[in-house]
Amino acid sequence: MSKGVCYEGVEDDPVSEEAITLGTEPATLLEYHCPNEHDSFGLVALSVHDGKGYWITWISAQGNAEADRAQFMQVLSSFAFTE
């Protein structure tokens, strides 16, 4: 799947991949744990609407993954595609 969330050149694949909904479209939520000097936690929501791809990213420091994920999901729940 996606590479480059951790900015390390070569990174591990996502630690999880989940089917979600973004607006009215099916989407995929990827979760990353970035190692080494970046020590980051990343979430990426991917979707396609009306032939256009959408990539929404959340990156934060490690150690608060559960709260970060809850906040990101709240942000995503407010997302709406406009025509």
C-alpha atoms as a PDB file:
ATOM      1  CA  MET A   1       0.000   0.000   0.000  1.00  0.00           C
ATOM      2  CA  SER A   2       1.110   3.540   0.709  1.00  0.00           C
ATOM      3  CA  LYS A   3       4.742   4.404   1.384  1.00  0.00           C
ATOM      4  CA  GLY A   4       6.299   7.621   2.637  1.00  0.00           C
ATOM      5  CA  VAL A   5       4.214   8.480   5.709  1.00  0.00           C
ATOM      6  CA  CYS A   6       7.246   8.211   7.993  1.00  0.00           C
ATOM      7  CA  TYR A   7       9.684   9.987   5.646  1.00  0.00           C
ATOM      8  CA  GLU A   8      12.333   7.311   6.084  1.00  0.00           C
ATOM      9  CA  GLY A   9      12.725   6.178   2.500  1.00  0.00           C
ATOM     10  CA  VAL A  10      11.824   2.572   3.212  1.00  0.00           C
ATOM     11  CA  GLU A  11       9.309   1.941   5.946  1.00  0.00           C
ATOM     12  CA  ASP A  12       7.231  -0.924   7.159  1.00  0.00           C
ATOM     13  CA  ASP A  13       3.852  -1.614   5.659  1.00  0.00           C
ATOM     14  CA  PRO A  14       0.891  -0.271   7.621  1.00  0.00           C
ATOM     15  CA  VAL A  15       0.363  -2.081  10.913  1.00  0.00           C
ATOM     16  CA  SER A  16      -3.363  -2.125  10.191  1.00  0.00           C
ATOM     17  CA  GLU A  17      -5.751  -1.574   7.309  1.00  0.00           C
ATOM     18  CA  GLU A  18      -9.464  -1.016   7.950  1.00  0.00           C
ATOM     19  CA  ALA A  19     -12.467  -0.389   5.705  1.00  0.00           C
ATOM     20  CA  ILE A  20     -14.232   2.861   6.677  1.00  0.00           C
ATOM     21  CA  THR A  21     -16.502   5.437   5.055  1.00  0.00           C
ATOM     22  CA  LEU A  22     -15.342   8.932   4.102  1.00  0.00           C
ATOM     23  CA  GLY A  23     -18.293  11.179   3.377  1.00  0.00           C
ATOM     24  CA  THR A  24     -20.499   8.912   1.271  1.00  0.00           C
ATOM     25  CA  GLU A  25     -17.682   6.826  -0.221  1.00  0.00           C
ATOM     26  CA  PRO A  26     -15.940   3.635   0.860  1.00  0.00           C
ATOM     27  CA  ALA A  27     -12.441   4.333   2.130  1.00  0.00           C
ATOM     28  CA  THR A  28      -9.419   2.638   3.662  1.00  0.00           C
ATOM     29  CA  LEU A  29      -7.797   3.661   6.948  1.00  0.00           C
ATOM     30  CA  LEU A  30      -4.101   2.798   7.261  1.00  0.00           C
ATOM     31  CA  GLU A  31      -2.183   2.971  10.558  1.00  0.00           C
ATOM     32  CA  TYR A  32       1.593   3.436  10.767  1.00  0.00           C
ATOM     33  CA  HIS A  33       4.057   3.371  13.645  1.00  0.00           C
ATOM     34  CA  CYS A  34       7.127   5.258  12.437  1.00  0.00           C
ATOM     35  CA  PRO A  35      10.387   3.991  13.974  1.00  0.00           C
ATOM     36  CA  ASN A  36      13.767   5.520  14.680  1.00  0.00           C
ATOM     37  CA  GLU A  37      14.299   9.269  14.961  1.00  0.00           C
ATOM     38  CA  HIS A  38      10.785  10.104  13.762  1.00  0.00           C
ATOM     39  CA  ASP A  39       9.015   8.223  16.575  1.00  0.00           C
ATOM     40  CA  SER A  40       5.661   9.127  15.030  1.00  0.00           C
ATOM     41  CA  PHE A  41       2.213   7.642  14.809  1.00  0.00           C
ATOM     42  CA  GLY A  42       0.386   8.069  11.505  1.00  0.00           C
ATOM     43  CA  LEU A  43      -3.111   7.503  10.159  1.00  0.00           C
ATOM     44  CA  VAL A  44      -4.059   7.827   6.495  1.00  0.00           C
ATOM     45  CA  ALA A  45      -7.580   7.780   5.060  1.00  0.00           C
ATOM     46  CA  LEU A  46      -7.746   6.986   1.327  1.00  0.00           C
ATOM     47  CA  SER A  47     -10.829   7.307  -0.864  1.00  0.00           C
ATOM     48  CA  VAL A  48     -11.983   8.042  -4.408  1.00  0.00           C
ATOM     49  CA  HIS A  49     -14.923  10.319  -5.203  1.00  0.00           C
ATOM     50  CA  ASP A  50     -16.047  11.412  -8.653  1.00  0.00           C
ATOM     51  CA  GLY A  51     -12.818  10.107 -10.197  1.00  0.00           C
ATOM     52  CA  LYS A  52     -10.546  12.033  -7.787  1.00  0.00           C
ATOM     53  CA  GLY A  53      -8.347  10.494  -5.118  1.00  0.00           C
ATOM     54  CA  TYR A  54      -8.335  11.785  -1.548  1.00  0.00           C
ATOM     55  CA  TRP A  55      -5.483  11.233   0.935  1.00  0.00           C
ATOM     56  CA  ILE A  56      -6.050  12.616   4.443  1.00  0.00           C
ATOM     57  CA  THR A  57      -3.157  12.244   6.889  1.00  0.00           C
ATOM     58  CA  TRP A  58      -2.772  12.513  10.662  1.00  0.00           C
ATOM     59  CA  ILE A  59       0.758  12.389  12.122  1.00  0.00           C
ATOM     60  CA  SER A  60       1.595  12.815  15.796  1.00  0.00           C
ATOM     61  CA  ALA A  61       4.134  11.708  18.370  1.00  0.00           C
ATOM     62  CA  GLN A  62       3.999   8.096  19.595  1.00  0.00           C
ATOM     63  CA  GLY A  63       2.341   7.372  22.907  1.00  0.00           C
ATOM     64  CA  ASN A  64      -1.201   8.653  22.439  1.00  0.00           C
ATOM     65  CA  ALA A  65      -2.460   6.408  19.628  1.00  0.00           C
ATOM     66  CA  GLU A  66      -5.904   5.659  21.052  1.00  0.00           C
ATOM     67  CA  ALA A  67      -6.801   9.325  21.644  1.00  0.00           C
ATOM     68  CA  ASP A  68      -5.228  10.386  18.334  1.00  0.00           C
ATOM     69  CA  ARG A  69      -7.217   7.776  16.454  1.00  0.00           C
ATOM     70  CA  ALA A  70     -10.457   8.861  18.171  1.00  0.00           C
ATOM     71  CA  GLN A  71      -9.802  12.503  17.288  1.00  0.00           C
ATOM     72  CA  PHE A  72      -8.906  11.659  13.663  1.00  0.00           C
ATOM     73  CA  MET A  73     -12.081   9.587  13.310  1.00  0.00           C
ATOM     74  CA  GLN A  74     -14.069  12.562  14.639  1.00  0.00           C
ATOM     75  CA  VAL A  75     -12.448  14.790  11.990  1.00  0.00           C
ATOM     76  CA  LEU A  76     -13.231  12.229   9.279  1.00  0.00           C
ATOM     77  CA  SER A  77     -16.860  11.985  10.419  1.00  0.00           C
ATOM     78  CA  SER A  78     -17.274  15.692   9.627  1.00  0.00           C
ATOM     79  CA  PHE A  79     -15.909  15.263   6.080  1.00  0.00           C
ATOM     80  CA  ALA A  80     -18.302  15.872   3.186  1.00  0.00           C
ATOM     81  CA  PHE A  81     -17.654  15.786  -0.549  1.00  0.00           C
ATOM     82  CA  THR A  82     -18.945  18.814  -2.438  1.00  0.00           C
ATOM     83  CA  GLU A  83     -20.037  18.662  -6.037  1.00  0.00           C
END
